[in-house]
């Protein structure tokens, strides 16, 4: 019962934060890139939280438990990639004034590449959704008693 109360409080907190932040958004670009007002630390923190979030960490922990330390690369690769992108590419992307990765591809190459990039983003989002579902399954399995039948 305590676990359900904690999860409900966490969900309520997320809803309140989202409602508060959502009320400040004036346009779509403001939603996606925070009106380009975030500093380096805040931007790095939000991207890191996205890449190395709870679902990835939960699934990585389960993977490490079953396969060993090789599973650490699931989370570390995202962090290393973000550091590399930040150091090598962030200024260029910011200068393009774009919002999405396909827009970056279009500016650097052409519209055909934009379509391919958009398809790759959709595939990545499907994989991300699968990771979230797997994380939910891991949490539910770990926190509920087995069903005997």
N, C-alpha and C. Protein backbone atom coordinates (compact mmCIF):
# COMPACT_ATOMS: atom_id res chain seq x y z
N UNK A 1 0.82 -1.20 0.00
CA UNK A 1 0.00 0.00 0.00
C UNK A 1 0.87 1.26 0.00
N UNK A 2 1.95 1.23 0.77
CA UNK A 2 2.86 2.37 0.82
C UNK A 2 3.46 2.63 -0.56
N UNK A 3 3.81 1.56 -1.26
CA UNK A 3 4.38 1.71 -2.60
C UNK A 3 3.40 2.41 -3.54
N UNK A 4 2.14 2.03 -3.50
CA UNK A 4 1.13 2.68 -4.35
C UNK A 4 0.96 4.15 -3.99
N UNK A 5 1.04 4.47 -2.72
CA UNK A 5 0.92 5.86 -2.29
C UNK A 5 2.11 6.68 -2.80
N UNK A 6 3.30 6.12 -2.72
CA UNK A 6 4.50 6.81 -3.20
C UNK A 6 4.41 7.01 -4.71
N UNK A 7 4.00 5.98 -5.45
CA UNK A 7 3.85 6.10 -6.90
C UNK A 7 2.78 7.12 -7.27
N UNK A 8 1.68 7.15 -6.53
CA UNK A 8 0.62 8.13 -6.79
C UNK A 8 1.12 9.55 -6.52
N UNK A 9 1.88 9.73 -5.44
CA UNK A 9 2.44 11.05 -5.13
C UNK A 9 3.42 11.48 -6.21
N UNK A 10 4.23 10.55 -6.68
CA UNK A 10 5.19 10.84 -7.75
C UNK A 10 4.44 11.26 -9.02
N UNK A 11 3.39 10.52 -9.39
CA UNK A 11 2.60 10.85 -10.57
C UNK A 11 1.95 12.22 -10.43
N UNK A 12 1.40 12.51 -9.27
CA UNK A 12 0.78 13.81 -9.02
C UNK A 12 1.82 14.93 -9.15
N UNK A 13 3.00 14.71 -8.61
CA UNK A 13 4.08 15.70 -8.70
C UNK A 13 4.44 15.97 -10.16
N UNK A 14 4.55 14.91 -10.96
CA UNK A 14 4.86 15.08 -12.38
C UNK A 14 3.76 15.86 -13.10
N UNK A 15 2.53 15.56 -12.78
CA UNK A 15 1.41 16.27 -13.41
C UNK A 15 1.44 17.75 -13.03
N UNK A 16 1.71 18.05 -11.77
CA UNK A 16 1.77 19.45 -11.33
C UNK A 16 2.92 20.21 -12.00
N UNK A 17 4.08 19.57 -12.08
CA UNK A 17 5.23 20.22 -12.73
C UNK A 17 4.92 20.45 -14.21
N UNK A 18 4.34 19.45 -14.87
CA UNK A 18 3.98 19.59 -16.28
C UNK A 18 2.96 20.67 -16.51
N UNK A 19 1.97 20.75 -15.63
CA UNK A 19 0.94 21.78 -15.77
C UNK A 19 1.52 23.17 -15.56
N UNK A 20 2.39 23.31 -14.57
CA UNK A 20 3.03 24.59 -14.31
C UNK A 20 3.90 25.02 -15.49
N UNK A 21 4.75 24.10 -15.96
CA UNK A 21 5.63 24.41 -17.08
C UNK A 21 4.87 24.61 -18.37
N UNK A 22 3.81 23.82 -18.59
CA UNK A 22 3.02 23.93 -19.81
C UNK A 22 2.31 25.26 -19.92
N UNK A 23 1.97 25.85 -18.80
CA UNK A 23 1.30 27.14 -18.82
C UNK A 23 2.21 28.27 -19.27
N UNK A 24 3.51 28.07 -19.19
CA UNK A 24 4.47 29.10 -19.58
C UNK A 24 4.82 29.05 -21.06
N UNK A 25 4.46 27.97 -21.72
CA UNK A 25 4.83 27.79 -23.13
C UNK A 25 3.92 28.63 -24.02
N UNK A 26 4.53 29.43 -24.86
CA UNK A 26 3.77 30.30 -25.75
C UNK A 26 3.65 29.73 -27.16
N UNK A 27 4.65 28.96 -27.60
CA UNK A 27 4.65 28.43 -28.96
C UNK A 27 5.29 27.04 -28.96
N UNK A 28 5.15 26.35 -30.07
CA UNK A 28 5.70 25.00 -30.20
C UNK A 28 7.20 24.99 -29.97
N UNK A 29 7.90 25.95 -30.55
CA UNK A 29 9.35 26.00 -30.37
C UNK A 29 9.72 26.19 -28.90
N UNK A 30 8.92 26.95 -28.19
CA UNK A 30 9.16 27.13 -26.76
C UNK A 30 9.06 25.82 -26.01
N UNK A 31 8.14 24.98 -26.43
CA UNK A 31 7.99 23.67 -25.80
C UNK A 31 9.19 22.78 -26.09
N UNK A 32 9.62 22.74 -27.33
CA UNK A 32 10.69 21.82 -27.72
C UNK A 32 12.07 22.26 -27.26
N UNK A 33 12.35 23.53 -27.30
CA UNK A 33 13.70 24.00 -26.98
C UNK A 33 13.73 25.10 -25.91
N UNK A 34 12.69 25.18 -25.11
CA UNK A 34 12.62 26.12 -23.99
C UNK A 34 12.95 27.55 -24.41
N UNK A 35 12.42 27.95 -25.55
CA UNK A 35 12.67 29.29 -26.11
C UNK A 35 14.16 29.60 -26.24
N UNK A 36 14.97 28.55 -26.27
CA UNK A 36 16.44 28.67 -26.41
C UNK A 36 17.04 29.53 -25.30
N UNK A 37 16.47 29.44 -24.11
CA UNK A 37 16.93 30.26 -22.99
C UNK A 37 17.73 29.46 -21.95
N UNK A 38 17.83 28.15 -22.12
CA UNK A 38 18.56 27.36 -21.14
C UNK A 38 20.06 27.54 -21.32
N UNK A 39 20.76 27.55 -20.20
CA UNK A 39 22.21 27.62 -20.25
C UNK A 39 22.81 26.25 -20.52
N UNK A 40 24.13 26.21 -20.54
CA UNK A 40 24.84 24.96 -20.83
C UNK A 40 24.51 23.89 -19.81
N UNK A 41 24.55 24.23 -18.53
CA UNK A 41 24.32 23.23 -17.48
C UNK A 41 22.89 22.69 -17.54
N UNK A 42 21.92 23.58 -17.69
CA UNK A 42 20.52 23.14 -17.74
C UNK A 42 20.26 22.29 -18.99
N UNK A 43 20.82 22.69 -20.11
CA UNK A 43 20.65 21.92 -21.34
C UNK A 43 21.29 20.54 -21.20
N UNK A 44 22.51 20.50 -20.68
CA UNK A 44 23.19 19.22 -20.49
C UNK A 44 22.41 18.33 -19.52
N UNK A 45 21.86 18.93 -18.49
CA UNK A 45 21.09 18.16 -17.50
C UNK A 45 19.82 17.57 -18.11
N UNK A 46 19.10 18.37 -18.89
CA UNK A 46 17.86 17.86 -19.47
C UNK A 46 18.13 16.78 -20.51
N UNK A 47 19.16 16.96 -21.33
CA UNK A 47 19.50 15.93 -22.31
C UNK A 47 19.99 14.66 -21.64
N UNK A 48 20.77 14.82 -20.59
CA UNK A 48 21.25 13.64 -19.85
C UNK A 48 20.09 12.90 -19.20
N UNK A 49 19.16 13.65 -18.63
CA UNK A 49 17.99 13.02 -18.01
C UNK A 49 17.16 12.27 -19.04
N UNK A 50 17.10 12.80 -20.25
CA UNK A 50 16.36 12.14 -21.32
C UNK A 50 17.06 10.85 -21.74
N UNK A 51 18.36 10.94 -21.95
CA UNK A 51 19.11 9.79 -22.45
C UNK A 51 19.37 8.75 -21.36
N UNK A 52 19.73 9.21 -20.21
CA UNK A 52 20.08 8.30 -19.12
C UNK A 52 18.98 8.41 -18.07
N UNK A 53 17.76 8.18 -18.49
CA UNK A 53 16.61 8.30 -17.62
C UNK A 53 16.33 7.05 -16.81
N UNK A 54 15.25 7.12 -16.07
CA UNK A 54 14.88 6.02 -15.19
C UNK A 54 14.61 4.73 -15.91
N UNK A 55 13.90 4.80 -17.03
CA UNK A 55 13.57 3.56 -17.74
C UNK A 55 14.83 2.89 -18.26
N UNK A 56 15.73 3.67 -18.85
CA UNK A 56 16.97 3.09 -19.35
C UNK A 56 17.78 2.51 -18.20
N UNK A 57 17.81 3.19 -17.08
CA UNK A 57 18.58 2.72 -15.94
C UNK A 57 18.00 1.44 -15.36
N UNK A 58 16.68 1.37 -15.28
CA UNK A 58 16.04 0.15 -14.76
C UNK A 58 16.32 -1.03 -15.67
N UNK A 59 16.16 -0.84 -16.97
CA UNK A 59 16.41 -1.93 -17.90
C UNK A 59 17.90 -2.29 -17.90
N UNK A 60 18.77 -1.28 -17.82
CA UNK A 60 20.20 -1.55 -17.78
C UNK A 60 20.56 -2.34 -16.53
N UNK A 61 19.98 -1.99 -15.40
CA UNK A 61 20.24 -2.73 -14.17
C UNK A 61 19.84 -4.18 -14.31
N UNK A 62 18.67 -4.42 -14.88
CA UNK A 62 18.24 -5.81 -15.10
C UNK A 62 19.17 -6.52 -16.07
N UNK A 63 19.62 -5.82 -17.10
CA UNK A 63 20.53 -6.41 -18.08
C UNK A 63 21.88 -6.73 -17.44
N UNK A 64 22.38 -5.81 -16.62
CA UNK A 64 23.65 -6.05 -15.93
C UNK A 64 23.52 -7.24 -14.99
N UNK A 65 22.39 -7.35 -14.32
CA UNK A 65 22.16 -8.46 -13.41
C UNK A 65 22.21 -9.80 -14.16
N UNK A 66 21.64 -9.82 -15.36
CA UNK A 66 21.59 -11.08 -16.10
C UNK A 66 22.83 -11.34 -16.96
N UNK A 67 23.51 -10.28 -17.42
CA UNK A 67 24.63 -10.47 -18.36
C UNK A 67 25.99 -10.03 -17.82
N UNK A 68 26.01 -9.27 -16.74
CA UNK A 68 27.28 -8.78 -16.23
C UNK A 68 27.51 -7.31 -16.58
N UNK A 69 28.71 -6.82 -16.27
CA UNK A 69 29.02 -5.40 -16.43
C UNK A 69 29.00 -4.90 -17.86
N UNK A 70 28.99 -5.80 -18.83
CA UNK A 70 28.91 -5.36 -20.22
C UNK A 70 27.66 -4.51 -20.45
N UNK A 71 26.62 -4.73 -19.66
CA UNK A 71 25.38 -3.98 -19.79
C UNK A 71 25.49 -2.51 -19.42
N UNK A 72 26.56 -2.12 -18.77
CA UNK A 72 26.76 -0.71 -18.40
C UNK A 72 26.81 0.16 -19.66
N UNK A 73 27.26 -0.40 -20.77
CA UNK A 73 27.39 0.36 -22.00
C UNK A 73 26.06 0.87 -22.52
N UNK A 74 24.96 0.24 -22.14
CA UNK A 74 23.66 0.74 -22.57
C UNK A 74 23.44 2.18 -22.11
N UNK A 75 23.79 2.46 -20.87
CA UNK A 75 23.63 3.82 -20.35
C UNK A 75 24.83 4.71 -20.68
N UNK A 76 26.03 4.18 -20.56
CA UNK A 76 27.21 5.00 -20.79
C UNK A 76 27.33 5.50 -22.22
N UNK A 77 26.91 4.70 -23.17
CA UNK A 77 27.01 5.12 -24.57
C UNK A 77 26.20 6.39 -24.82
N UNK A 78 25.03 6.49 -24.23
CA UNK A 78 24.23 7.70 -24.38
C UNK A 78 24.93 8.91 -23.79
N UNK A 79 25.50 8.74 -22.62
CA UNK A 79 26.22 9.85 -21.98
C UNK A 79 27.45 10.27 -22.76
N UNK A 80 28.22 9.29 -23.22
CA UNK A 80 29.42 9.60 -24.01
C UNK A 80 29.03 10.29 -25.31
N UNK A 81 27.96 9.80 -25.94
CA UNK A 81 27.50 10.42 -27.18
C UNK A 81 27.08 11.87 -26.98
N UNK A 82 26.38 12.13 -25.87
CA UNK A 82 25.96 13.51 -25.60
C UNK A 82 27.14 14.43 -25.34
N UNK A 83 28.13 13.93 -24.63
CA UNK A 83 29.33 14.75 -24.39
C UNK A 83 30.01 15.07 -25.71
N UNK A 84 30.15 14.05 -26.55
CA UNK A 84 30.76 14.28 -27.87
C UNK A 84 29.97 15.26 -28.70
N UNK A 85 28.65 15.09 -28.74
CA UNK A 85 27.82 16.02 -29.50
C UNK A 85 27.93 17.44 -28.96
N UNK A 86 27.92 17.55 -27.63
CA UNK A 86 28.01 18.88 -27.03
C UNK A 86 29.31 19.58 -27.35
N UNK A 87 30.40 18.83 -27.31
CA UNK A 87 31.71 19.43 -27.55
C UNK A 87 31.97 19.71 -29.03
N UNK A 88 31.46 18.85 -29.89
CA UNK A 88 31.82 18.93 -31.30
C UNK A 88 30.76 19.57 -32.21
N UNK A 89 29.49 19.58 -31.77
CA UNK A 89 28.44 19.89 -32.73
C UNK A 89 27.40 20.89 -32.23
N UNK A 90 27.36 21.15 -30.96
CA UNK A 90 26.28 21.95 -30.38
C UNK A 90 26.20 23.35 -30.97
N UNK A 91 27.33 24.02 -31.15
CA UNK A 91 27.31 25.39 -31.69
C UNK A 91 26.72 25.42 -33.10
N UNK A 92 27.09 24.43 -33.92
CA UNK A 92 26.56 24.39 -35.28
C UNK A 92 25.05 24.22 -35.27
N UNK A 93 24.56 23.30 -34.46
CA UNK A 93 23.13 23.02 -34.42
C UNK A 93 22.38 24.23 -33.88
N UNK A 94 22.90 24.85 -32.85
CA UNK A 94 22.24 26.04 -32.29
C UNK A 94 22.17 27.17 -33.33
N UNK A 95 23.21 27.30 -34.11
CA UNK A 95 23.24 28.32 -35.15
C UNK A 95 22.23 28.07 -36.26
N UNK A 96 21.82 26.83 -36.44
CA UNK A 96 20.84 26.50 -37.48
C UNK A 96 19.42 26.92 -37.09
N UNK A 97 19.18 27.14 -35.81
CA UNK A 97 17.85 27.52 -35.30
C UNK A 97 16.78 26.50 -35.70
N UNK A 98 17.10 25.23 -35.54
CA UNK A 98 16.16 24.15 -35.85
C UNK A 98 15.64 23.54 -34.56
N UNK A 99 14.62 22.69 -34.69
CA UNK A 99 14.02 22.08 -33.51
C UNK A 99 14.21 20.56 -33.51
N UNK A 100 14.18 19.93 -34.68
CA UNK A 100 14.23 18.48 -34.75
C UNK A 100 15.49 17.98 -35.46
N UNK A 101 15.83 16.73 -35.22
CA UNK A 101 16.97 16.12 -35.90
C UNK A 101 16.77 16.05 -37.42
N UNK A 102 15.57 15.71 -37.91
CA UNK A 102 15.40 15.74 -39.37
C UNK A 102 15.64 17.13 -39.97
N UNK A 103 15.33 18.18 -39.25
CA UNK A 103 15.61 19.53 -39.74
C UNK A 103 17.11 19.77 -39.84
N UNK A 104 17.86 19.25 -38.88
CA UNK A 104 19.32 19.35 -38.94
C UNK A 104 19.83 18.64 -40.19
N UNK A 105 19.32 17.43 -40.43
CA UNK A 105 19.74 16.66 -41.61
C UNK A 105 19.41 17.41 -42.90
N UNK A 106 18.24 18.04 -42.94
CA UNK A 106 17.84 18.78 -44.14
C UNK A 106 18.76 19.97 -44.38
N UNK A 107 19.13 20.68 -43.32
CA UNK A 107 20.01 21.84 -43.47
C UNK A 107 21.41 21.42 -43.92
N UNK A 108 21.86 20.27 -43.42
CA UNK A 108 23.21 19.82 -43.75
C UNK A 108 23.27 19.13 -45.12
N UNK A 109 22.17 18.49 -45.52
CA UNK A 109 22.18 17.73 -46.77
C UNK A 109 21.04 18.21 -47.67
N UNK A 110 19.90 17.51 -47.64
CA UNK A 110 18.76 17.94 -48.45
C UNK A 110 17.48 17.31 -47.91
N UNK A 111 16.38 17.57 -48.59
CA UNK A 111 15.06 17.10 -48.12
C UNK A 111 14.95 15.57 -48.13
N UNK A 112 15.62 14.89 -49.06
CA UNK A 112 15.57 13.42 -49.08
C UNK A 112 16.16 12.85 -47.80
N UNK A 113 17.25 13.44 -47.36
CA UNK A 113 17.89 12.99 -46.12
C UNK A 113 16.99 13.30 -44.93
N UNK A 114 16.25 14.39 -45.02
CA UNK A 114 15.31 14.74 -43.94
C UNK A 114 14.27 13.65 -43.77
N UNK A 115 13.75 13.12 -44.86
CA UNK A 115 12.75 12.05 -44.79
C UNK A 115 13.35 10.79 -44.17
N UNK A 116 14.56 10.44 -44.59
CA UNK A 116 15.23 9.27 -44.02
C UNK A 116 15.47 9.48 -42.53
N UNK A 117 15.93 10.66 -42.16
CA UNK A 117 16.17 10.96 -40.74
C UNK A 117 14.88 10.88 -39.94
N UNK A 118 13.78 11.37 -40.52
CA UNK A 118 12.49 11.30 -39.82
C UNK A 118 12.07 9.84 -39.60
N UNK A 119 12.28 9.01 -40.59
CA UNK A 119 11.97 7.58 -40.42
C UNK A 119 12.83 6.94 -39.34
N UNK A 120 14.10 7.31 -39.31
CA UNK A 120 14.98 6.78 -38.27
C UNK A 120 14.56 7.26 -36.87
N UNK A 121 14.10 8.49 -36.79
CA UNK A 121 13.61 9.01 -35.51
C UNK A 121 12.38 8.22 -35.07
N UNK A 122 11.48 7.93 -36.00
CA UNK A 122 10.29 7.13 -35.66
C UNK A 122 10.70 5.75 -35.16
N UNK A 123 11.66 5.13 -35.82
CA UNK A 123 12.13 3.81 -35.37
C UNK A 123 12.77 3.91 -33.97
N UNK A 124 13.52 4.96 -33.74
CA UNK A 124 14.13 5.16 -32.42
C UNK A 124 13.05 5.36 -31.35
N UNK A 125 11.99 6.08 -31.69
CA UNK A 125 10.90 6.29 -30.73
C UNK A 125 10.17 4.98 -30.43
N UNK A 126 10.03 4.13 -31.44
CA UNK A 126 9.42 2.81 -31.20
C UNK A 126 10.31 2.00 -30.25
N UNK A 127 11.62 2.05 -30.47
CA UNK A 127 12.54 1.35 -29.58
C UNK A 127 12.46 1.95 -28.17
N UNK A 128 12.35 3.27 -28.07
CA UNK A 128 12.23 3.94 -26.77
C UNK A 128 10.96 3.49 -26.05
N UNK A 129 9.86 3.41 -26.79
CA UNK A 129 8.61 2.94 -26.21
C UNK A 129 8.75 1.50 -25.71
N UNK A 130 9.43 0.67 -26.48
CA UNK A 130 9.66 -0.71 -26.04
C UNK A 130 10.48 -0.73 -24.75
N UNK A 131 11.46 0.15 -24.64
CA UNK A 131 12.26 0.25 -23.43
C UNK A 131 11.41 0.68 -22.24
N UNK A 132 10.52 1.63 -22.46
CA UNK A 132 9.63 2.08 -21.38
C UNK A 132 8.70 0.95 -20.93
N UNK A 133 8.17 0.21 -21.89
CA UNK A 133 7.29 -0.91 -21.54
C UNK A 133 8.08 -1.97 -20.77
N UNK A 134 9.30 -2.24 -21.20
CA UNK A 134 10.13 -3.21 -20.50
C UNK A 134 10.45 -2.72 -19.08
N UNK A 135 10.70 -1.43 -18.92
CA UNK A 135 10.96 -0.88 -17.59
C UNK A 135 9.74 -1.03 -16.70
N UNK A 136 8.56 -0.74 -17.24
CA UNK A 136 7.32 -0.91 -16.47
C UNK A 136 7.15 -2.37 -16.05
N UNK A 137 7.41 -3.27 -16.98
CA UNK A 137 7.31 -4.70 -16.67
C UNK A 137 8.28 -5.08 -15.55
N UNK A 138 9.48 -4.55 -15.60
CA UNK A 138 10.48 -4.84 -14.57
C UNK A 138 10.01 -4.35 -13.21
N UNK A 139 9.48 -3.13 -13.16
CA UNK A 139 9.00 -2.57 -11.89
C UNK A 139 7.80 -3.36 -11.37
N UNK A 140 6.85 -3.65 -12.24
CA UNK A 140 5.65 -4.39 -11.81
C UNK A 140 6.03 -5.77 -11.33
N UNK A 141 6.92 -6.45 -12.03
CA UNK A 141 7.35 -7.79 -11.62
C UNK A 141 8.05 -7.76 -10.27
N UNK A 142 8.88 -6.73 -10.06
CA UNK A 142 9.64 -6.65 -8.82
C UNK A 142 8.79 -6.23 -7.63
N UNK A 143 7.68 -5.53 -7.87
CA UNK A 143 6.91 -4.98 -6.74
C UNK A 143 5.60 -5.68 -6.48
N UNK A 144 5.25 -6.66 -7.28
CA UNK A 144 3.98 -7.36 -7.04
C UNK A 144 4.25 -8.84 -6.80
N UNK A 145 3.43 -9.46 -5.97
CA UNK A 145 3.63 -10.88 -5.72
C UNK A 145 3.25 -11.71 -6.94
N UNK A 146 3.90 -12.86 -7.10
CA UNK A 146 3.56 -13.70 -8.26
C UNK A 146 2.13 -14.23 -8.16
N UNK A 147 1.50 -14.39 -9.30
CA UNK A 147 0.14 -14.91 -9.34
C UNK A 147 0.23 -16.44 -9.42
N UNK A 148 -0.39 -17.09 -8.47
CA UNK A 148 -0.40 -18.55 -8.51
C UNK A 148 -1.73 -19.02 -9.08
N UNK A 149 -1.66 -20.02 -9.84
CA UNK A 149 -2.93 -20.37 -10.44
C UNK A 149 -2.96 -21.71 -10.93
